[in-house]
Amino acid sequence: MKYKVLALAVLATIIYSCASKSSMPMATTPKEEIKFATVMTPELAEGKSLFENNCGKCHSLYQPTDYNAEQWKPIVLDMQKKANLDDAQGQKIYNYLTMQ
């Protein structure tokens, strides 16, 4: 009798461990956390490079999403003067920062 109970317990354990786990619910990411990839055009890539190489020389870099487009305008204009960048370079940096 003990042998039959033990064999049944072993068999149940094997069947349970081999069972498919596909019916278990998958963890999903909330929609707020989903971010879509942005296509990096050559102009945006140049803006990113200018931002990292010029702005990062003097201070730690902010994330583009730290400010909105209106908040970035005066920041970029002010820092453009300090970094001795021309208007075209400043515009490329601004375009990169506001593409998000």
PDB file of N, CA and C in Angstrom:
ATOM      1  N   MET A   1       0.815  -1.183   0.000  1.00  0.00           N
ATOM      2  CA  MET A   1       0.000   0.000   0.000  1.00  0.00           C
ATOM      3  C   MET A   1       0.869   1.261   0.000  1.00  0.00           C
ATOM      4  N   LYS A   2       1.918   1.267   0.835  1.00  0.00           N
ATOM      5  CA  LYS A   2       2.809   2.419   0.889  1.00  0.00           C
ATOM      6  C   LYS A   2       3.491   2.624  -0.462  1.00  0.00           C
ATOM      7  N   TYR A   3       3.814   1.518  -1.117  1.00  0.00           N
ATOM      8  CA  TYR A   3       4.477   1.595  -2.420  1.00  0.00           C
ATOM      9  C   TYR A   3       3.567   2.261  -3.449  1.00  0.00           C
ATOM     10  N   LYS A   4       2.277   1.939  -3.427  1.00  0.00           N
ATOM     11  CA  LYS A   4       1.328   2.512  -4.373  1.00  0.00           C
ATOM     12  C   LYS A   4       1.155   4.021  -4.127  1.00  0.00           C
ATOM     13  N   VAL A   5       1.080   4.445  -2.878  1.00  0.00           N
ATOM     14  CA  VAL A   5       0.930   5.860  -2.528  1.00  0.00           C
ATOM     15  C   VAL A   5       2.180   6.629  -2.936  1.00  0.00           C
ATOM     16  N   LEU A   6       3.350   6.050  -2.668  1.00  0.00           N
ATOM     17  CA  LEU A   6       4.608   6.688  -3.040  1.00  0.00           C
ATOM     18  C   LEU A   6       4.734   6.800  -4.566  1.00  0.00           C
ATOM     19  N   ALA A   7       4.389   5.737  -5.283  1.00  0.00           N
ATOM     20  CA  ALA A   7       4.450   5.753  -6.739  1.00  0.00           C
ATOM     21  C   ALA A   7       3.477   6.787  -7.308  1.00  0.00           C
ATOM     22  N   LEU A   8       2.297   6.888  -6.743  1.00  0.00           N
ATOM     23  CA  LEU A   8       1.306   7.867  -7.185  1.00  0.00           C
ATOM     24  C   LEU A   8       1.802   9.293  -6.930  1.00  0.00           C
ATOM     25  N   ALA A   9       2.441   9.526  -5.790  1.00  0.00           N
ATOM     26  CA  ALA A   9       2.979  10.852  -5.466  1.00  0.00           C
ATOM     27  C   ALA A   9       4.104  11.224  -6.427  1.00  0.00           C
ATOM     28  N   VAL A  10       4.997  10.295  -6.742  1.00  0.00           N
ATOM     29  CA  VAL A  10       6.096  10.543  -7.676  1.00  0.00           C
ATOM     30  C   VAL A  10       5.544  10.824  -9.067  1.00  0.00           C
ATOM     31  N   LEU A  11       4.569  10.024  -9.494  1.00  0.00           N
ATOM     32  CA  LEU A  11       3.954  10.206 -10.804  1.00  0.00           C
ATOM     33  C   LEU A  11       3.257  11.573 -10.897  1.00  0.00           C
ATOM     34  N   ALA A  12       2.544  11.973  -9.875  1.00  0.00           N
ATOM     35  CA  ALA A  12       1.868  13.267  -9.858  1.00  0.00           C
ATOM     36  C   ALA A  12       2.883  14.414  -9.919  1.00  0.00           C
ATOM     37  N   THR A  13       3.994  14.268  -9.230  1.00  0.00           N
ATOM     38  CA  THR A  13       5.049  15.289  -9.245  1.00  0.00           C
ATOM     39  C   THR A  13       5.662  15.412 -10.629  1.00  0.00           C
ATOM     40  N   ILE A  14       5.916  14.300 -11.282  1.00  0.00           N
ATOM     41  CA  ILE A  14       6.493  14.320 -12.629  1.00  0.00           C
ATOM     42  C   ILE A  14       5.521  14.959 -13.612  1.00  0.00           C
ATOM     43  N   ILE A  15       4.261  14.572 -13.551  1.00  0.00           N
ATOM     44  CA  ILE A  15       3.255  15.147 -14.460  1.00  0.00           C
ATOM     45  C   ILE A  15       3.120  16.650 -14.217  1.00  0.00           C
ATOM     46  N   TYR A  16       3.089  17.068 -12.972  1.00  0.00           N
ATOM     47  CA  TYR A  16       2.958  18.495 -12.652  1.00  0.00           C
ATOM     48  C   TYR A  16       4.162  19.289 -13.166  1.00  0.00           C
ATOM     49  N   SER A  17       5.370  18.759 -12.990  1.00  0.00           N
ATOM     50  CA  SER A  17       6.564  19.483 -13.414  1.00  0.00           C
ATOM     51  C   SER A  17       6.721  19.530 -14.924  1.00  0.00           C
ATOM     52  N   CYS A  18       6.142  18.577 -15.633  1.00  0.00           N
ATOM     53  CA  CYS A  18       6.226  18.559 -17.093  1.00  0.00           C
ATOM     54  C   CYS A  18       5.075  19.301 -17.767  1.00  0.00           C
ATOM     55  N   ALA A  19       4.129  19.727 -17.007  1.00  0.00           N
ATOM     56  CA  ALA A  19       2.955  20.402 -17.572  1.00  0.00           C
ATOM     57  C   ALA A  19       3.360  21.735 -18.190  1.00  0.00           C
ATOM     58  N   SER A  20       2.617  22.141 -19.191  1.00  0.00           N
ATOM     59  CA  SER A  20       2.865  23.405 -19.882  1.00  0.00           C
ATOM     60  C   SER A  20       2.530  24.570 -18.968  1.00  0.00           C
ATOM     61  N   LYS A  21       3.373  25.576 -18.974  1.00  0.00           N
ATOM     62  CA  LYS A  21       3.146  26.762 -18.147  1.00  0.00           C
ATOM     63  C   LYS A  21       2.484  27.887 -18.949  1.00  0.00           C
ATOM     64  N   SER A  22       2.074  27.598 -20.189  1.00  0.00           N
ATOM     65  CA  SER A  22       1.538  28.640 -21.063  1.00  0.00           C
ATOM     66  C   SER A  22       0.213  29.202 -20.576  1.00  0.00           C
ATOM     67  N   SER A  23      -0.481  28.498 -19.721  1.00  0.00           N
ATOM     68  CA  SER A  23      -1.759  29.007 -19.243  1.00  0.00           C
ATOM     69  C   SER A  23      -1.599  30.019 -18.114  1.00  0.00           C
ATOM     70  N   MET A  24      -0.376  30.213 -17.639  1.00  0.00           N
ATOM     71  CA  MET A  24      -0.129  31.169 -16.571  1.00  0.00           C
ATOM     72  C   MET A  24      -0.172  32.581 -17.140  1.00  0.00           C
ATOM     73  N   PRO A  25      -0.759  33.525 -16.420  1.00  0.00           N
ATOM     74  CA  PRO A  25      -0.838  34.904 -16.936  1.00  0.00           C
ATOM     75  C   PRO A  25       0.549  35.525 -17.053  1.00  0.00           C
ATOM     76  N   MET A  26       0.750  36.261 -18.116  1.00  0.00           N
ATOM     77  CA  MET A  26       2.022  36.939 -18.361  1.00  0.00           C
ATOM     78  C   MET A  26       1.991  38.313 -17.709  1.00  0.00           C
ATOM     79  N   ALA A  27       3.129  38.728 -17.168  1.00  0.00           N
ATOM     80  CA  ALA A  27       3.233  40.072 -16.611  1.00  0.00           C
ATOM     81  C   ALA A  27       3.279  41.057 -17.768  1.00  0.00           C
ATOM     82  N   THR A  28       2.474  42.084 -17.701  1.00  0.00           N
ATOM     83  CA  THR A  28       2.441  43.079 -18.768  1.00  0.00           C
ATOM     84  C   THR A  28       2.908  44.416 -18.236  1.00  0.00           C
ATOM     85  N   THR A  29       3.392  45.213 -19.133  1.00  0.00           N
ATOM     86  CA  THR A  29       3.859  46.551 -18.781  1.00  0.00           C
ATOM     87  C   THR A  29       2.690  47.519 -18.927  1.00  0.00           C
ATOM     88  N   PRO A  30       2.471  48.383 -17.941  1.00  0.00           N
ATOM     89  CA  PRO A  30       1.415  49.386 -18.087  1.00  0.00           C
ATOM     90  C   PRO A  30       1.663  50.256 -19.311  1.00  0.00           C
ATOM     91  N   LYS A  31       0.591  50.736 -19.913  1.00  0.00           N
ATOM     92  CA  LYS A  31       0.710  51.527 -21.136  1.00  0.00           C
ATOM     93  C   LYS A  31       1.538  52.784 -20.930  1.00  0.00           C
ATOM     94  N   GLU A  32       1.532  53.335 -19.737  1.00  0.00           N
ATOM     95  CA  GLU A  32       2.286  54.561 -19.479  1.00  0.00           C
ATOM     96  C   GLU A  32       3.793  54.326 -19.612  1.00  0.00           C
ATOM     97  N   GLU A  33       4.233  53.092 -19.374  1.00  0.00           N
ATOM     98  CA  GLU A  33       5.664  52.805 -19.385  1.00  0.00           C
ATOM     99  C   GLU A  33       6.165  52.387 -20.762  1.00  0.00           C
ATOM    100  N   ILE A  34       5.256  52.130 -21.688  1.00  0.00           N
ATOM    101  CA  ILE A  34       5.675  51.705 -23.021  1.00  0.00           C
ATOM    102  C   ILE A  34       6.183  52.924 -23.777  1.00  0.00           C
ATOM    103  N   LYS A  35       7.390  52.819 -24.291  1.00  0.00           N
ATOM    104  CA  LYS A  35       7.978  53.904 -25.065  1.00  0.00           C
ATOM    105  C   LYS A  35       8.267  53.387 -26.457  1.00  0.00           C
ATOM    106  N   PHE A  36       7.949  54.191 -27.438  1.00  0.00           N
ATOM    107  CA  PHE A  36       8.185  53.806 -28.813  1.00  0.00           C
ATOM    108  C   PHE A  36       9.540  54.326 -29.252  1.00  0.00           C
ATOM    109  N   ALA A  37      10.194  53.553 -30.065  1.00  0.00           N
ATOM    110  CA  ALA A  37      11.494  53.952 -30.582  1.00  0.00           C
ATOM    111  C   ALA A  37      11.318  55.099 -31.565  1.00  0.00           C
ATOM    112  N   THR A  38      12.187  56.091 -31.460  1.00  0.00           N
ATOM    113  CA  THR A  38      12.166  57.222 -32.363  1.00  0.00           C
ATOM    114  C   THR A  38      13.234  56.997 -33.424  1.00  0.00           C
ATOM    115  N   VAL A  39      12.859  57.243 -34.661  1.00  0.00           N
ATOM    116  CA  VAL A  39      13.819  57.095 -35.748  1.00  0.00           C
ATOM    117  C   VAL A  39      14.805  58.249 -35.656  1.00  0.00           C
ATOM    118  N   MET A  40      16.076  57.908 -35.619  1.00  0.00           N
ATOM    119  CA  MET A  40      17.124  58.910 -35.485  1.00  0.00           C
ATOM    120  C   MET A  40      17.614  59.296 -36.875  1.00  0.00           C
ATOM    121  N   THR A  41      17.185  60.473 -37.327  1.00  0.00           N
ATOM    122  CA  THR A  41      17.647  60.967 -38.624  1.00  0.00           C
ATOM    123  C   THR A  41      19.087  61.458 -38.473  1.00  0.00           C
ATOM    124  N   PRO A  42      19.789  61.674 -39.574  1.00  0.00           N
ATOM    125  CA  PRO A  42      21.165  62.189 -39.463  1.00  0.00           C
ATOM    126  C   PRO A  42      21.226  63.531 -38.726  1.00  0.00           C
ATOM    127  N   GLU A  43      20.220  64.393 -38.940  1.00  0.00           N
ATOM    128  CA  GLU A  43      20.218  65.685 -38.242  1.00  0.00           C
ATOM    129  C   GLU A  43      20.027  65.498 -36.740  1.00  0.00           C
ATOM    130  N   LEU A  44      19.127  64.599 -36.346  1.00  0.00           N
ATOM    131  CA  LEU A  44      18.919  64.340 -34.917  1.00  0.00           C
ATOM    132  C   LEU A  44      20.149  63.684 -34.301  1.00  0.00           C
ATOM    133  N   ALA A  45      20.788  62.800 -35.031  1.00  0.00           N
ATOM    134  CA  ALA A  45      22.019  62.168 -34.533  1.00  0.00           C
ATOM    135  C   ALA A  45      23.106  63.214 -34.329  1.00  0.00           C
ATOM    136  N   GLU A  46      23.183  64.180 -35.245  1.00  0.00           N
ATOM    137  CA  GLU A  46      24.169  65.253 -35.083  1.00  0.00           C
ATOM    138  C   GLU A  46      23.817  66.121 -33.875  1.00  0.00           C
ATOM    139  N   GLY A  47      22.526  66.392 -33.681  1.00  0.00           N
ATOM    140  CA  GLY A  47      22.095  67.153 -32.511  1.00  0.00           C
ATOM    141  C   GLY A  47      22.436  66.438 -31.217  1.00  0.00           C
ATOM    142  N   LYS A  48      22.246  65.130 -31.212  1.00  0.00           N
ATOM    143  CA  LYS A  48      22.596  64.339 -30.023  1.00  0.00           C
ATOM    144  C   LYS A  48      24.094  64.405 -29.769  1.00  0.00           C
ATOM    145  N   SER A  49      24.877  64.277 -30.829  1.00  0.00           N
ATOM    146  CA  SER A  49      26.331  64.342 -30.688  1.00  0.00           C
ATOM    147  C   SER A  49      26.775  65.713 -30.184  1.00  0.00           C
ATOM    148  N   LEU A  50      26.204  66.780 -30.751  1.00  0.00           N
ATOM    149  CA  LEU A  50      26.529  68.134 -30.286  1.00  0.00           C
ATOM    150  C   LEU A  50      26.160  68.307 -28.815  1.00  0.00           C
ATOM    151  N   PHE A  51      24.984  67.806 -28.451  1.00  0.00           N
ATOM    152  CA  PHE A  51      24.505  67.905 -27.066  1.00  0.00           C
ATOM    153  C   PHE A  51      25.464  67.188 -26.120  1.00  0.00           C
ATOM    154  N   GLU A  52      25.814  65.958 -26.449  1.00  0.00           N
ATOM    155  CA  GLU A  52      26.674  65.173 -25.569  1.00  0.00           C
ATOM    156  C   GLU A  52      28.087  65.730 -25.492  1.00  0.00           C
ATOM    157  N   ASN A  53      28.626  66.174 -26.631  1.00  0.00           N
ATOM    158  CA  ASN A  53      30.020  66.620 -26.660  1.00  0.00           C
ATOM    159  C   ASN A  53      30.216  68.050 -26.176  1.00  0.00           C
ATOM    160  N   ASN A  54      29.248  68.928 -26.388  1.00  0.00           N
ATOM    161  CA  ASN A  54      29.411  70.313 -25.962  1.00  0.00           C
ATOM    162  C   ASN A  54      28.819  70.575 -24.582  1.00  0.00           C
ATOM    163  N   CYS A  55      27.609  70.104 -24.362  1.00  0.00           N
ATOM    164  CA  CYS A  55      26.956  70.369 -23.080  1.00  0.00           C
ATOM    165  C   CYS A  55      27.552  69.520 -21.957  1.00  0.00           C
ATOM    166  N   GLY A  56      27.978  68.306 -22.313  1.00  0.00           N
ATOM    167  CA  GLY A  56      28.536  67.414 -21.307  1.00  0.00           C
ATOM    168  C   GLY A  56      29.930  67.780 -20.844  1.00  0.00           C
ATOM    169  N   LYS A  57      30.570  68.758 -21.499  1.00  0.00           N
ATOM    170  CA  LYS A  57      31.908  69.186 -21.068  1.00  0.00           C
ATOM    171  C   LYS A  57      31.867  69.909 -19.732  1.00  0.00           C
ATOM    172  N   CYS A  58      30.795  70.670 -19.513  1.00  0.00           N
ATOM    173  CA  CYS A  58      30.748  71.531 -18.330  1.00  0.00           C
ATOM    174  C   CYS A  58      29.867  70.997 -17.198  1.00  0.00           C
ATOM    175  N   HIS A  59      28.889  70.186 -17.530  1.00  0.00           N
ATOM    176  CA  HIS A  59      27.980  69.709 -16.483  1.00  0.00           C
ATOM    177  C   HIS A  59      27.371  68.382 -16.899  1.00  0.00           C
ATOM    178  N   SER A  60      26.711  67.720 -15.949  1.00  0.00           N
ATOM    179  CA  SER A  60      26.038  66.464 -16.281  1.00  0.00           C
ATOM    180  C   SER A  60      24.833  66.767 -17.165  1.00  0.00           C
ATOM    181  N   LEU A  61      24.524  65.836 -18.030  1.00  0.00           N
ATOM    182  CA  LEU A  61      23.474  66.053 -19.021  1.00  0.00           C
ATOM    183  C   LEU A  61      22.098  65.709 -18.467  1.00  0.00           C
ATOM    184  N   TYR A  62      21.128  66.514 -18.848  1.00  0.00           N
ATOM    185  CA  TYR A  62      19.736  66.214 -18.530  1.00  0.00           C
ATOM    186  C   TYR A  62      19.187  65.279 -19.596  1.00  0.00           C
ATOM    187  N   GLN A  63      18.162  64.560 -19.247  1.00  0.00           N
ATOM    188  CA  GLN A  63      17.465  63.730 -20.218  1.00  0.00           C
ATOM    189  C   GLN A  63      16.565  64.625 -21.064  1.00  0.00           C
ATOM    190  N   PRO A  64      16.391  64.322 -22.331  1.00  0.00           N
ATOM    191  CA  PRO A  64      15.504  65.138 -23.163  1.00  0.00           C
ATOM    192  C   PRO A  64      14.088  65.236 -22.603  1.00  0.00           C
ATOM    193  N   THR A  65      13.660  64.232 -21.877  1.00  0.00           N
ATOM    194  CA  THR A  65      12.308  64.233 -21.321  1.00  0.00           C
ATOM    195  C   THR A  65      12.196  64.991 -20.001  1.00  0.00           C
ATOM    196  N   ASP A  66      13.306  65.520 -19.497  1.00  0.00           N
ATOM    197  CA  ASP A  66      13.258  66.268 -18.237  1.00  0.00           C
ATOM    198  C   ASP A  66      12.501  67.586 -18.382  1.00  0.00           C
ATOM    199  N   TYR A  67      12.474  68.138 -19.582  1.00  0.00           N
ATOM    200  CA  TYR A  67      11.783  69.402 -19.848  1.00  0.00           C
ATOM    201  C   TYR A  67      10.949  69.249 -21.109  1.00  0.00           C
ATOM    202  N   ASN A  68       9.913  70.088 -21.231  1.00  0.00           N
ATOM    203  CA  ASN A  68       9.143  70.073 -22.473  1.00  0.00           C
ATOM    204  C   ASN A  68       9.760  71.060 -23.462  1.00  0.00           C
ATOM    205  N   ALA A  69       9.197  71.141 -24.668  1.00  0.00           N
ATOM    206  CA  ALA A  69       9.776  71.970 -25.737  1.00  0.00           C
ATOM    207  C   ALA A  69       9.862  73.445 -25.338  1.00  0.00           C
ATOM    208  N   GLU A  70       8.848  73.959 -24.676  1.00  0.00           N
ATOM    209  CA  GLU A  70       8.864  75.366 -24.261  1.00  0.00           C
ATOM    210  C   GLU A  70       9.934  75.633 -23.207  1.00  0.00           C
ATOM    211  N   GLN A  71      10.159  74.678 -22.326  1.00  0.00           N
ATOM    212  CA  GLN A  71      11.180  74.842 -21.288  1.00  0.00           C
ATOM    213  C   GLN A  71      12.583  74.737 -21.865  1.00  0.00           C
ATOM    214  N   TRP A  72      12.757  73.942 -22.927  1.00  0.00           N
ATOM    215  CA  TRP A  72      14.078  73.789 -23.520  1.00  0.00           C
ATOM    216  C   TRP A  72      14.524  75.029 -24.289  1.00  0.00           C
ATOM    217  N   LYS A  73      13.587  75.815 -24.832  1.00  0.00           N
ATOM    218  CA  LYS A  73      13.954  76.968 -25.670  1.00  0.00           C
ATOM    219  C   LYS A  73      14.944  77.905 -24.979  1.00  0.00           C
ATOM    220  N   PRO A  74      14.603  78.470 -23.809  1.00  0.00           N
ATOM    221  CA  PRO A  74      15.554  79.402 -23.177  1.00  0.00           C
ATOM    222  C   PRO A  74      16.830  78.712 -22.693  1.00  0.00           C
ATOM    223  N   ILE A  75      16.711  77.459 -22.306  1.00  0.00           N
ATOM    224  CA  ILE A  75      17.900  76.738 -21.840  1.00  0.00           C
ATOM    225  C   ILE A  75      18.895  76.587 -22.983  1.00  0.00           C
ATOM    226  N   VAL A  76      18.411  76.131 -24.141  1.00  0.00           N
ATOM    227  CA  VAL A  76      19.293  75.922 -25.288  1.00  0.00           C
ATOM    228  C   VAL A  76      19.881  77.252 -25.756  1.00  0.00           C
ATOM    229  N   LEU A  77      19.064  78.303 -25.811  1.00  0.00           N
ATOM    230  CA  LEU A  77      19.570  79.612 -26.246  1.00  0.00           C
ATOM    231  C   LEU A  77      20.677  80.113 -25.324  1.00  0.00           C
ATOM    232  N   ASP A  78      20.466  79.993 -24.027  1.00  0.00           N
ATOM    233  CA  ASP A  78      21.459  80.461 -23.056  1.00  0.00           C
ATOM    234  C   ASP A  78      22.745  79.638 -23.151  1.00  0.00           C
ATOM    235  N   MET A  79      22.597  78.318 -23.199  1.00  0.00           N
ATOM    236  CA  MET A  79      23.767  77.451 -23.218  1.00  0.00           C
ATOM    237  C   MET A  79      24.494  77.513 -24.569  1.00  0.00           C
ATOM    238  N   GLN A  80      23.749  77.811 -25.627  1.00  0.00           N
ATOM    239  CA  GLN A  80      24.356  77.942 -26.957  1.00  0.00           C
ATOM    240  C   GLN A  80      25.384  79.063 -26.954  1.00  0.00           C
ATOM    241  N   LYS A  81      25.043  80.166 -26.294  1.00  0.00           N
ATOM    242  CA  LYS A  81      25.972  81.298 -26.199  1.00  0.00           C
ATOM    243  C   LYS A  81      27.203  80.911 -25.377  1.00  0.00           C
ATOM    244  N   LYS A  82      26.986  80.235 -24.275  1.00  0.00           N
ATOM    245  CA  LYS A  82      28.097  79.858 -23.398  1.00  0.00           C
ATOM    246  C   LYS A  82      29.033  78.846 -24.053  1.00  0.00           C
ATOM    247  N   ALA A  83      28.474  77.971 -24.909  1.00  0.00           N
ATOM    248  CA  ALA A  83      29.287  76.946 -25.562  1.00  0.00           C
ATOM    249  C   ALA A  83      29.837  77.408 -26.908  1.00  0.00           C
ATOM    250  N   ASN A  84      29.570  78.663 -27.265  1.00  0.00           N
ATOM    251  CA  ASN A  84      30.024  79.230 -28.541  1.00  0.00           C
ATOM    252  C   ASN A  84      29.550  78.409 -29.745  1.00  0.00           C
ATOM    253  N   LEU A  85      28.278  78.072 -29.751  1.00  0.00           N
ATOM    254  CA  LEU A  85      27.682  77.334 -30.865  1.00  0.00           C
ATOM    255  C   LEU A  85      26.903  78.304 -31.744  1.00  0.00           C
ATOM    256  N   ASP A  86      26.875  78.032 -33.048  1.00  0.00           N
ATOM    257  CA  ASP A  86      26.093  78.902 -33.932  1.00  0.00           C
ATOM    258  C   ASP A  86      24.610  78.506 -33.868  1.00  0.00           C
ATOM    259  N   ASP A  87      23.775  79.299 -34.538  1.00  0.00           N
ATOM    260  CA  ASP A  87      22.327  79.064 -34.478  1.00  0.00           C
ATOM    261  C   ASP A  87      21.931  77.709 -35.053  1.00  0.00           C
ATOM    262  N   ALA A  88      22.587  77.284 -36.118  1.00  0.00           N
ATOM    263  CA  ALA A  88      22.267  75.991 -36.727  1.00  0.00           C
ATOM    264  C   ALA A  88      22.565  74.843 -35.761  1.00  0.00           C
ATOM    265  N   GLN A  89      23.682  74.928 -35.051  1.00  0.00           N
ATOM    266  CA  GLN A  89      24.028  73.887 -34.083  1.00  0.00           C
ATOM    267  C   GLN A  89      23.044  73.899 -32.912  1.00  0.00           C
ATOM    268  N   GLY A  90      22.697  75.094 -32.454  1.00  0.00           N
ATOM    269  CA  GLY A  90      21.723  75.201 -31.366  1.00  0.00           C
ATOM    270  C   GLY A  90      20.374  74.631 -31.766  1.00  0.00           C
ATOM    271  N   GLN A  91      19.965  74.862 -33.006  1.00  0.00           N
ATOM    272  CA  GLN A  91      18.695  74.328 -33.498  1.00  0.00           C
ATOM    273  C   GLN A  91      18.733  72.809 -33.579  1.00  0.00           C
ATOM    274  N   LYS A  92      19.862  72.247 -33.972  1.00  0.00           N
ATOM    275  CA  LYS A  92      19.988  70.788 -34.036  1.00  0.00           C
ATOM    276  C   LYS A  92      19.894  70.178 -32.640  1.00  0.00           C
ATOM    277  N   ILE A  93      20.513  70.826 -31.679  1.00  0.00           N
ATOM    278  CA  ILE A  93      20.425  70.354 -30.292  1.00  0.00           C
ATOM    279  C   ILE A  93      18.982  70.446 -29.808  1.00  0.00           C
ATOM    280  N   TYR A  94      18.329  71.578 -30.087  1.00  0.00           N
ATOM    281  CA  TYR A  94      16.931  71.765 -29.682  1.00  0.00           C
ATOM    282  C   TYR A  94      16.040  70.711 -30.333  1.00  0.00           C
ATOM    283  N   ASN A  95      16.244  70.443 -31.611  1.00  0.00           N
ATOM    284  CA  ASN A  95      15.442  69.431 -32.302  1.00  0.00           C
ATOM    285  C   ASN A  95      15.641  68.056 -31.680  1.00  0.00           C
ATOM    286  N   TYR A  96      16.869  67.733 -31.324  1.00  0.00           N
ATOM    287  CA  TYR A  96      17.132  66.447 -30.675  1.00  0.00           C
ATOM    288  C   TYR A  96      16.435  66.379 -29.317  1.00  0.00           C
ATOM    289  N   LEU A  97      16.525  67.431 -28.529  1.00  0.00           N
ATOM    290  CA  LEU A  97      15.953  67.424 -27.183  1.00  0.00           C
ATOM    291  C   LEU A  97      14.432  67.359 -27.196  1.00  0.00           C
ATOM    292  N   THR A  98      13.812  67.889 -28.240  1.00  0.00           N
ATOM    293  CA  THR A  98      12.356  67.950 -28.268  1.00  0.00           C
ATOM    294  C   THR A  98      11.729  66.869 -29.148  1.00  0.00           C
ATOM    295  N   MET A  99      12.511  65.960 -29.676  1.00  0.00           N
ATOM    296  CA  MET A  99      11.951  64.914 -30.548  1.00  0.00           C
ATOM    297  C   MET A  99      11.143  63.890 -29.782  1.00  0.00           C
ATOM    298  N   GLN A 100      11.316  63.812 -28.488  1.00  0.00           N
ATOM    299  CA  GLN A 100      10.666  62.770 -27.685  1.00  0.00           C
ATOM    300  C   GLN A 100       9.184  62.949 -27.655  1.00  0.00           C
TER     301      GLN A 100
END
